[in-house]
PDB file of N, CA and C in Angstrom:
ATOM      1  N   UNK A   1    -259.883-158.796  50.763  1.00  0.00           N
ATOM      2  CA  UNK A   1    -260.346-158.259  52.031  1.00  0.00           C
ATOM      3  C   UNK A   1    -260.452-159.359  53.077  1.00  0.00           C
ATOM      4  N   UNK A   2    -260.927-160.534  52.673  1.00  0.00           N
ATOM      5  CA  UNK A   2    -261.049-161.648  53.602  1.00  0.00           C
ATOM      6  C   UNK A   2    -259.674-162.102  54.088  1.00  0.00           C
ATOM      7  N   UNK A   3    -258.672-162.051  53.215  1.00  0.00           N
ATOM      8  CA  UNK A   3    -257.319-162.439  53.605  1.00  0.00           C
ATOM      9  C   UNK A   3    -256.770-161.504  54.677  1.00  0.00           C
ATOM     10  N   UNK A   4    -257.003-160.225  54.521  1.00  0.00           N
ATOM     11  CA  UNK A   4    -256.508-159.245  55.487  1.00  0.00           C
ATOM     12  C   UNK A   4    -257.147-159.479  56.847  1.00  0.00           C
ATOM     13  N   UNK A   5    -258.449-159.702  56.860  1.00  0.00           N
ATOM     14  CA  UNK A   5    -259.152-159.964  58.114  1.00  0.00           C
ATOM     15  C   UNK A   5    -258.646-161.261  58.744  1.00  0.00           C
ATOM     16  N   UNK A   6    -258.424-162.278  57.924  1.00  0.00           N
ATOM     17  CA  UNK A   6    -257.910-163.551  58.417  1.00  0.00           C
ATOM     18  C   UNK A   6    -256.520-163.388  59.020  1.00  0.00           C
ATOM     19  N   UNK A   7    -255.643-162.657  58.358  1.00  0.00           N
ATOM     20  CA  UNK A   7    -254.281-162.422  58.860  1.00  0.00           C
ATOM     21  C   UNK A   7    -254.325-161.648  60.177  1.00  0.00           C
ATOM     22  N   UNK A   8    -255.160-160.636  60.265  1.00  0.00           N
ATOM     23  CA  UNK A   8    -255.289-159.861  61.501  1.00  0.00           C
ATOM     24  C   UNK A   8    -255.804-160.763  62.628  1.00  0.00           C
ATOM     25  N   UNK A   9    -256.772-161.608  62.334  1.00  0.00           N
ATOM     26  CA  UNK A   9    -257.302-162.541  63.326  1.00  0.00           C
ATOM     27  C   UNK A   9    -256.207-163.476  63.837  1.00  0.00           C
ATOM     28  N   UNK A  10    -255.416-164.026  62.947  1.00  0.00           N
ATOM     29  CA  UNK A  10    -254.330-164.940  63.334  1.00  0.00           C
ATOM     30  C   UNK A  10    -253.304-164.205  64.194  1.00  0.00           C
ATOM     31  N   UNK A  11    -252.952-162.974  63.831  1.00  0.00           N
ATOM     32  CA  UNK A  11    -251.997-162.196  64.621  1.00  0.00           C
ATOM     33  C   UNK A  11    -252.530-161.911  66.020  1.00  0.00           C
ATOM     34  N   UNK A  12    -253.797-161.518  66.116  1.00  0.00           N
ATOM     35  CA  UNK A  12    -254.390-161.262  67.431  1.00  0.00           C
ATOM     36  C   UNK A  12    -254.452-162.526  68.274  1.00  0.00           C
ATOM     37  N   UNK A  13    -254.755-163.636  67.653  1.00  0.00           N
ATOM     38  CA  UNK A  13    -254.806-164.909  68.358  1.00  0.00           C
ATOM     39  C   UNK A  13    -253.422-165.289  68.894  1.00  0.00           C
ATOM     40  N   UNK A  14    -252.403-165.113  68.077  1.00  0.00           N
ATOM     41  CA  UNK A  14    -251.032-165.412  68.487  1.00  0.00           C
ATOM     42  C   UNK A  14    -250.597-164.524  69.649  1.00  0.00           C
ATOM     43  N   UNK A  15    -250.899-163.244  69.578  1.00  0.00           N
ATOM     44  CA  UNK A  15    -250.536-162.316  70.643  1.00  0.00           C
ATOM     45  C   UNK A  15    -251.255-162.670  71.933  1.00  0.00           C
ATOM     46  N   UNK A  16    -252.514-163.043  71.846  1.00  0.00           N
ATOM     47  CA  UNK A  16    -253.261-163.390  73.056  1.00  0.00           C
ATOM     48  C   UNK A  16    -252.684-164.631  73.724  1.00  0.00           C
ATOM     49  N   UNK A  17    -252.237-165.616  72.947  1.00  0.00           N
ATOM     50  CA  UNK A  17    -251.604-166.801  73.531  1.00  0.00           C
ATOM     51  C   UNK A  17    -250.269-166.451  74.167  1.00  0.00           C
ATOM     52  N   UNK A  18    -249.545-165.524  73.580  1.00  0.00           N
ATOM     53  CA  UNK A  18    -248.253-165.113  74.129  1.00  0.00           C
ATOM     54  C   UNK A  18    -248.429-164.479  75.499  1.00  0.00           C
ATOM     55  N   UNK A  19    -249.401-163.597  75.647  1.00  0.00           N
ATOM     56  CA  UNK A  19    -249.613-162.930  76.924  1.00  0.00           C
ATOM     57  C   UNK A  19    -250.255-163.849  77.957  1.00  0.00           C
ATOM     58  N   UNK A  20    -250.955-164.870  77.525  1.00  0.00           N
ATOM     59  CA  UNK A  20    -251.619-165.785  78.443  1.00  0.00           C
ATOM     60  C   UNK A  20    -250.702-166.922  78.888  1.00  0.00           C
ATOM     61  N   UNK A  21    -249.451-166.896  78.470  1.00  0.00           N
ATOM     62  CA  UNK A  21    -248.529-167.991  78.733  1.00  0.00           C
ATOM     63  C   UNK A  21    -248.188-168.157  80.206  1.00  0.00           C
ATOM     64  N   UNK A  22    -248.339-167.129  81.025  1.00  0.00           N
ATOM     65  CA  UNK A  22    -248.039-167.244  82.446  1.00  0.00           C
ATOM     66  C   UNK A  22    -246.652-166.738  82.766  1.00  0.00           C
ATOM     67  N   UNK A  23    -246.191-167.026  83.982  1.00  0.00           N
ATOM     68  CA  UNK A  23    -244.894-166.514  84.404  1.00  0.00           C
ATOM     69  C   UNK A  23    -243.741-167.173  83.655  1.00  0.00           C
ATOM     70  N   UNK A  24    -242.644-166.481  83.635  1.00  0.00           N
ATOM     71  CA  UNK A  24    -241.450-166.967  82.955  1.00  0.00           C
ATOM     72  C   UNK A  24    -240.922-168.199  83.673  1.00  0.00           C
ATOM     73  N   UNK A  25    -240.408-169.165  82.910  1.00  0.00           N
ATOM     74  CA  UNK A  25    -239.826-170.360  83.511  1.00  0.00           C
ATOM     75  C   UNK A  25    -238.306-170.253  83.473  1.00  0.00           C
ATOM     76  N   UNK A  26    -237.682-170.851  84.469  1.00  0.00           N
ATOM     77  CA  UNK A  26    -236.230-170.889  84.585  1.00  0.00           C
ATOM     78  C   UNK A  26    -235.826-172.344  84.723  1.00  0.00           C
ATOM     79  N   UNK A  27    -234.506-172.612  84.691  1.00  0.00           N
ATOM     80  CA  UNK A  27    -234.067-173.982  84.901  1.00  0.00           C
ATOM     81  C   UNK A  27    -232.747-174.023  85.645  1.00  0.00           C
ATOM     82  N   UNK A  28    -232.528-175.103  86.346  1.00  0.00           N
ATOM     83  CA  UNK A  28    -231.289-175.368  87.061  1.00  0.00           C
ATOM     84  C   UNK A  28    -230.892-176.806  86.751  1.00  0.00           C
ATOM     85  N   UNK A  29    -229.598-177.029  86.503  1.00  0.00           N
ATOM     86  CA  UNK A  29    -229.099-178.358  86.172  1.00  0.00           C
ATOM     87  C   UNK A  29    -227.963-178.719  87.119  1.00  0.00           C
ATOM     88  N   UNK A  30    -227.959-179.958  87.580  1.00  0.00           N
ATOM     89  CA  UNK A  30    -226.882-180.421  88.440  1.00  0.00           C
ATOM     90  C   UNK A  30    -227.244-181.727  89.103  1.00  0.00           C
ATOM     91  N   UNK A  31    -226.317-182.245  89.925  1.00  0.00           N
ATOM     92  CA  UNK A  31    -226.588-183.494  90.624  1.00  0.00           C
ATOM     93  C   UNK A  31    -227.516-183.280  91.812  1.00  0.00           C
ATOM     94  N   UNK A  32    -228.339-184.281  92.093  1.00  0.00           N
ATOM     95  CA  UNK A  32    -229.276-184.235  93.216  1.00  0.00           C
ATOM     96  C   UNK A  32    -228.517-184.584  94.496  1.00  0.00           C
ATOM     97  N   UNK A  33    -228.638-183.717  95.503  1.00  0.00           N
ATOM     98  CA  UNK A  33    -228.003-183.955  96.798  1.00  0.00           C
ATOM     99  C   UNK A  33    -228.954-184.581  97.810  1.00  0.00           C
ATOM    100  N   UNK A  34    -230.239-184.209  97.687  1.00  0.00           N
ATOM    101  CA  UNK A  34    -231.226-184.685  98.655  1.00  0.00           C
ATOM    102  C   UNK A  34    -232.601-184.673  98.005  1.00  0.00           C
ATOM    103  N   UNK A  35    -233.420-185.663  98.356  1.00  0.00           N
ATOM    104  CA  UNK A  35    -234.795-185.741  97.858  1.00  0.00           C
ATOM    105  C   UNK A  35    -235.708-186.073  99.022  1.00  0.00           C
ATOM    106  N   UNK A  36    -236.783-185.280  99.169  1.00  0.00           N
ATOM    107  CA  UNK A  36    -237.853-185.605 100.107  1.00  0.00           C
ATOM    108  C   UNK A  36    -239.152-185.606  99.312  1.00  0.00           C
ATOM    109  N   UNK A  37    -240.279-185.857  99.979  1.00  0.00           N
ATOM    110  CA  UNK A  37    -241.548-185.855  99.245  1.00  0.00           C
ATOM    111  C   UNK A  37    -241.935-184.443  98.804  1.00  0.00           C
ATOM    112  N   UNK A  38    -241.375-183.400  99.475  1.00  0.00           N
ATOM    113  CA  UNK A  38    -241.744-182.016  99.169  1.00  0.00           C
ATOM    114  C   UNK A  38    -240.651-181.197  98.496  1.00  0.00           C
ATOM    115  N   UNK A  39    -239.396-181.664  98.528  1.00  0.00           N
ATOM    116  CA  UNK A  39    -238.290-180.863  97.988  1.00  0.00           C
ATOM    117  C   UNK A  39    -237.248-181.732  97.306  1.00  0.00           C
ATOM    118  N   UNK A  40    -236.456-181.058  96.463  1.00  0.00           N
ATOM    119  CA  UNK A  40    -235.264-181.667  95.884  1.00  0.00           C
ATOM    120  C   UNK A  40    -234.159-180.617  95.978  1.00  0.00           C
ATOM    121  N   UNK A  41    -232.969-181.048  96.393  1.00  0.00           N
ATOM    122  CA  UNK A  41    -231.824-180.144  96.511  1.00  0.00           C
ATOM    123  C   UNK A  41    -230.834-180.505  95.417  1.00  0.00           C
ATOM    124  N   UNK A  42    -230.460-179.481  94.620  1.00  0.00           N
ATOM    125  CA  UNK A  42    -229.558-179.674  93.483  1.00  0.00           C
ATOM    126  C   UNK A  42    -228.314-178.819  93.693  1.00  0.00           C
ATOM    127  N   UNK A  43    -227.138-179.375  93.369  1.00  0.00           N
ATOM    128  CA  UNK A  43    -225.879-178.640  93.454  1.00  0.00           C
ATOM    129  C   UNK A  43    -225.633-177.957  92.114  1.00  0.00           C
ATOM    130  N   UNK A  44    -225.511-176.631  92.143  1.00  0.00           N
ATOM    131  CA  UNK A  44    -225.182-175.873  90.925  1.00  0.00           C
ATOM    132  C   UNK A  44    -223.948-175.052  91.247  1.00  0.00           C
ATOM    133  N   UNK A  45    -222.811-175.495  90.736  1.00  0.00           N
ATOM    134  CA  UNK A  45    -221.556-174.847  91.092  1.00  0.00           C
ATOM    135  C   UNK A  45    -221.302-175.056  92.576  1.00  0.00           C
ATOM    136  N   UNK A  46    -221.074-173.966  93.300  1.00  0.00           N
ATOM    137  CA  UNK A  46    -220.873-174.050  94.754  1.00  0.00           C
ATOM    138  C   UNK A  46    -222.181-173.885  95.526  1.00  0.00           C
ATOM    139  N   UNK A  47    -223.267-173.548  94.824  1.00  0.00           N
ATOM    140  CA  UNK A  47    -224.549-173.274  95.472  1.00  0.00           C
ATOM    141  C   UNK A  47    -225.432-174.518  95.522  1.00  0.00           C
ATOM    142  N   UNK A  48    -226.240-174.585  96.572  1.00  0.00           N
ATOM    143  CA  UNK A  48    -227.249-175.635  96.698  1.00  0.00           C
ATOM    144  C   UNK A  48    -228.608-174.996  96.484  1.00  0.00           C
ATOM    145  N   UNK A  49    -229.358-175.510  95.521  1.00  0.00           N
ATOM    146  CA  UNK A  49    -230.679-174.990  95.172  1.00  0.00           C
ATOM    147  C   UNK A  49    -231.732-175.942  95.726  1.00  0.00           C
ATOM    148  N   UNK A  50    -232.632-175.414  96.555  1.00  0.00           N
ATOM    149  CA  UNK A  50    -233.730-176.212  97.095  1.00  0.00           C
ATOM    150  C   UNK A  50    -235.006-175.829  96.357  1.00  0.00           C
ATOM    151  N   UNK A  51    -235.573-176.774  95.658  1.00  0.00           N
ATOM    152  CA  UNK A  51    -236.764-176.546  94.833  1.00  0.00           C
ATOM    153  C   UNK A  51    -237.917-177.357  95.418  1.00  0.00           C
ATOM    154  N   UNK A  52    -239.071-176.716  95.562  1.00  0.00           N
ATOM    155  CA  UNK A  52    -240.258-177.391  96.104  1.00  0.00           C
ATOM    156  C   UNK A  52    -240.884-178.304  95.054  1.00  0.00           C
ATOM    157  N   UNK A  53    -241.445-179.395  95.514  1.00  0.00           N
ATOM    158  CA  UNK A  53    -242.199-180.333  94.680  1.00  0.00           C
ATOM    159  C   UNK A  53    -243.621-180.394  95.201  1.00  0.00           C
ATOM    160  N   UNK A  54    -244.581-180.591  94.302  1.00  0.00           N
ATOM    161  CA  UNK A  54    -245.966-180.802  94.722  1.00  0.00           C
ATOM    162  C   UNK A  54    -246.607-181.846  93.824  1.00  0.00           C
ATOM    163  N   UNK A  55    -247.876-182.064  94.007  1.00  0.00           N
ATOM    164  CA  UNK A  55    -248.585-183.113  93.258  1.00  0.00           C
ATOM    165  C   UNK A  55    -248.593-182.859  91.754  1.00  0.00           C
ATOM    166  N   UNK A  56    -248.480-181.603  91.333  1.00  0.00           N
ATOM    167  CA  UNK A  56    -248.527-181.302  89.899  1.00  0.00           C
ATOM    168  C   UNK A  56    -247.154-181.365  89.220  1.00  0.00           C
ATOM    169  N   UNK A  57    -246.080-181.621  89.989  1.00  0.00           N
ATOM    170  CA  UNK A  57    -244.739-181.707  89.417  1.00  0.00           C
ATOM    171  C   UNK A  57    -244.612-182.975  88.588  1.00  0.00           C
ATOM    172  N   UNK A  58    -244.203-182.808  87.337  1.00  0.00           N
ATOM    173  CA  UNK A  58    -244.028-183.953  86.442  1.00  0.00           C
ATOM    174  C   UNK A  58    -242.574-184.414  86.527  1.00  0.00           C
ATOM    175  N   UNK A  59    -242.361-185.675  86.863  1.00  0.00           N
ATOM    176  CA  UNK A  59    -241.017-186.234  86.981  1.00  0.00           C
ATOM    177  C   UNK A  59    -240.859-187.325  85.933  1.00  0.00           C
ATOM    178  N   UNK A  60    -239.858-187.166  85.055  1.00  0.00           N
ATOM    179  CA  UNK A  60    -239.560-188.191  84.046  1.00  0.00           C
ATOM    180  C   UNK A  60    -238.318-188.932  84.514  1.00  0.00           C
ATOM    181  N   UNK A  61    -238.429-190.209  84.779  1.00  0.00           N
ATOM    182  CA  UNK A  61    -237.305-190.991  85.274  1.00  0.00           C
ATOM    183  C   UNK A  61    -237.359-191.103  86.783  1.00  0.00           C
ATOM    184  N   UNK A  62    -236.285-191.692  87.347  1.00  0.00           N
ATOM    185  CA  UNK A  62    -236.225-191.914  88.793  1.00  0.00           C
ATOM    186  C   UNK A  62    -235.454-190.782  89.455  1.00  0.00           C
ATOM    187  N   UNK A  63    -236.122-190.047  90.331  1.00  0.00           N
ATOM    188  CA  UNK A  63    -235.517-188.925  91.035  1.00  0.00           C
ATOM    189  C   UNK A  63    -234.863-189.453  92.303  1.00  0.00           C
ATOM    190  N   UNK A  64    -233.505-189.516  92.290  1.00  0.00           N
ATOM    191  CA  UNK A  64    -232.785-190.046  93.439  1.00  0.00           C
ATOM    192  C   UNK A  64    -231.477-189.296  93.623  1.00  0.00           C
ATOM    193  N   UNK A  65    -230.885-189.430  94.798  1.00  0.00           N
ATOM    194  CA  UNK A  65    -229.621-188.776  95.121  1.00  0.00           C
ATOM    195  C   UNK A  65    -228.545-189.250  94.144  1.00  0.00           C
ATOM    196  N   UNK A  66    -227.785-188.281  93.609  1.00  0.00           N
ATOM    197  CA  UNK A  66    -226.709-188.600  92.668  1.00  0.00           C
ATOM    198  C   UNK A  66    -227.101-188.465  91.211  1.00  0.00           C
ATOM    199  N   UNK A  67    -228.385-188.497  90.922  1.00  0.00           N
ATOM    200  CA  UNK A  67    -228.837-188.363  89.535  1.00  0.00           C
ATOM    201  C   UNK A  67    -228.621-186.930  89.057  1.00  0.00           C
ATOM    202  N   UNK A  68    -228.238-186.773  87.790  1.00  0.00           N
ATOM    203  CA  UNK A  68    -228.109-185.439  87.205  1.00  0.00           C
ATOM    204  C   UNK A  68    -229.465-185.060  86.636  1.00  0.00           C
ATOM    205  N   UNK A  69    -229.965-183.891  87.040  1.00  0.00           N
ATOM    206  CA  UNK A  69    -231.302-183.474  86.633  1.00  0.00           C
ATOM    207  C   UNK A  69    -231.271-182.057  86.063  1.00  0.00           C
ATOM    208  N   UNK A  70    -232.263-181.756  85.278  1.00  0.00           N
ATOM    209  CA  UNK A  70    -232.565-180.393  84.863  1.00  0.00           C
ATOM    210  C   UNK A  70    -233.971-180.117  85.335  1.00  0.00           C
ATOM    211  N   UNK A  71    -234.117-179.092  86.181  1.00  0.00           N
ATOM    212  CA  UNK A  71    -235.411-178.752  86.759  1.00  0.00           C
ATOM    213  C   UNK A  71    -235.881-177.436  86.179  1.00  0.00           C
ATOM    214  N   UNK A  72    -237.086-177.431  85.626  1.00  0.00           N
ATOM    215  CA  UNK A  72    -237.727-176.195  85.184  1.00  0.00           C
ATOM    216  C   UNK A  72    -238.628-175.720  86.305  1.00  0.00           C
ATOM    217  N   UNK A  73    -238.542-174.424  86.629  1.00  0.00           N
ATOM    218  CA  UNK A  73    -239.338-173.887  87.725  1.00  0.00           C
ATOM    219  C   UNK A  73    -239.787-172.474  87.408  1.00  0.00           C
ATOM    220  N   UNK A  74    -240.784-172.010  88.151  1.00  0.00           N
ATOM    221  CA  UNK A  74    -241.235-170.626  88.060  1.00  0.00           C
ATOM    222  C   UNK A  74    -241.111-170.003  89.435  1.00  0.00           C
ATOM    223  N   UNK A  75    -241.007-168.686  89.466  1.00  0.00           N
ATOM    224  CA  UNK A  75    -240.982-167.990  90.746  1.00  0.00           C
ATOM    225  C   UNK A  75    -242.407-167.589  91.082  1.00  0.00           C
ATOM    226  N   UNK A  76    -242.832-167.931  92.292  1.00  0.00           N
ATOM    227  CA  UNK A  76    -244.203-167.675  92.708  1.00  0.00           C
ATOM    228  C   UNK A  76    -244.184-167.061  94.096  1.00  0.00           C
ATOM    229  N   UNK A  77    -244.898-165.989  94.266  1.00  0.00           N
ATOM    230  CA  UNK A  77    -244.978-165.345  95.576  1.00  0.00           C
ATOM    231  C   UNK A  77    -245.845-166.178  96.497  1.00  0.00           C
ATOM    232  N   UNK A  78    -245.398-166.343  97.727  1.00  0.00           N
ATOM    233  CA  UNK A  78    -246.163-167.055  98.744  1.00  0.00           C
ATOM    234  C   UNK A  78    -246.936-166.061  99.598  1.00  0.00           C
ATOM    235  N   UNK A  79    -246.289-164.933  99.905  1.00  0.00           N
ATOM    236  CA  UNK A  79    -246.934-163.883 100.703  1.00  0.00           C
ATOM    237  C   UNK A  79    -246.307-162.546 100.335  1.00  0.00           C
ATOM    238  N   UNK A  80    -247.097-161.500 100.437  1.00  0.00           N
ATOM    239  CA  UNK A  80    -246.618-160.147 100.171  1.00  0.00           C
ATOM    240  C   UNK A  80    -247.052-159.272 101.332  1.00  0.00           C
ATOM    241  N   UNK A  81    -246.100-158.561 101.923  1.00  0.00           N
ATOM    242  CA  UNK A  81    -246.405-157.620 102.999  1.00  0.00           C
ATOM    243  C   UNK A  81    -246.012-156.232 102.528  1.00  0.00           C
ATOM    244  N   UNK A  82    -246.983-155.354 102.459  1.00  0.00           N
ATOM    245  CA  UNK A  82    -246.750-153.985 102.014  1.00  0.00           C
ATOM    246  C   UNK A  82    -246.601-153.097 103.235  1.00  0.00           C
ATOM    247  N   UNK A  83    -245.498-152.365 103.275  1.00  0.00           N
ATOM    248  CA  UNK A  83    -245.263-151.457 104.392  1.00  0.00           C
ATOM    249  C   UNK A  83    -245.454-150.036 103.902  1.00  0.00           C
ATOM    250  N   UNK A  84    -245.972-149.216 104.790  1.00  0.00           N
ATOM    251  CA  UNK A  84    -246.203-147.831 104.403  1.00  0.00           C
ATOM    252  C   UNK A  84    -244.874-147.139 104.157  1.00  0.00           C
ATOM    253  N   UNK A  85    -244.880-146.264 103.160  1.00  0.00           N
ATOM    254  CA  UNK A  85    -243.684-145.498 102.860  1.00  0.00           C
ATOM    255  C   UNK A  85    -243.468-144.473 103.962  1.00  0.00           C
ATOM    256  N   UNK A  86    -242.221-144.144 104.233  1.00  0.00           N
ATOM    257  CA  UNK A  86    -241.909-143.149 105.255  1.00  0.00           C
ATOM    258  C   UNK A  86    -242.414-141.780 104.843  1.00  0.00           C
ATOM    259  N   UNK A  87    -242.518-140.889 105.818  1.00  0.00           N
ATOM    260  CA  UNK A  87    -242.985-139.534 105.517  1.00  0.00           C
ATOM    261  C   UNK A  87    -241.958-138.829 104.658  1.00  0.00           C
ATOM    262  N   UNK A  88    -242.437-138.111 103.667  1.00  0.00           N
ATOM    263  CA  UNK A  88    -241.546-137.354 102.797  1.00  0.00           C
ATOM    264  C   UNK A  88    -241.105-136.089 103.506  1.00  0.00           C
ATOM    265  N   UNK A  89    -239.844-135.796 103.371  1.00  0.00           N
ATOM    266  CA  UNK A  89    -239.307-134.583 103.979  1.00  0.00           C
ATOM    267  C   UNK A  89    -239.341-133.487 102.923  1.00  0.00           C
ATOM    268  N   UNK A  90    -240.030-132.412 103.241  1.00  0.00           N
ATOM    269  CA  UNK A  90    -240.118-131.297 102.296  1.00  0.00           C
ATOM    270  C   UNK A  90    -238.922-130.385 102.463  1.00  0.00           C
ATOM    271  N   UNK A  91    -238.393-129.917 101.355  1.00  0.00           N
ATOM    272  CA  UNK A  91    -237.265-128.989 101.402  1.00  0.00           C
ATOM    273  C   UNK A  91    -237.797-127.599 101.722  1.00  0.00           C
ATOM    274  N   UNK A  92    -237.078-126.917 102.584  1.00  0.00           N
ATOM    275  CA  UNK A  92    -237.465-125.550 102.942  1.00  0.00           C
ATOM    276  C   UNK A  92    -236.954-124.593 101.880  1.00  0.00           C
ATOM    277  N   UNK A  93    -237.802-123.654 101.510  1.00  0.00           N
ATOM    278  CA  UNK A  93    -237.393-122.628 100.548  1.00  0.00           C
ATOM    279  C   UNK A  93    -236.711-121.499 101.307  1.00  0.00           C
ATOM    280  N   UNK A  94    -235.660-120.966 100.748  1.00  0.00           N
ATOM    281  CA  UNK A  94    -234.933-119.858 101.373  1.00  0.00           C
ATOM    282  C   UNK A  94    -235.296-118.561 100.746  1.00  0.00           C
TER     283      UNK A  94
END
């Protein structure tokens, strides 16, 4: 009986950590085109990706133009504007 309770506890603990993990992370890899104190621009194929940097960004190595990097990032909303839905048009019965 104690084993069953222990196994259930471990499963619940694992599930709680999974849901508490936060937003999904993504990554982009390519050469650095531009670096400022707030952003880094990376070339991925024909596209240029501009990624924001802040004080909590961990950088391993020297971040400079020409270096090949892999950047892990999350998508975060800055602002949300909710607009009212349009009036619904009711169908007339014949």
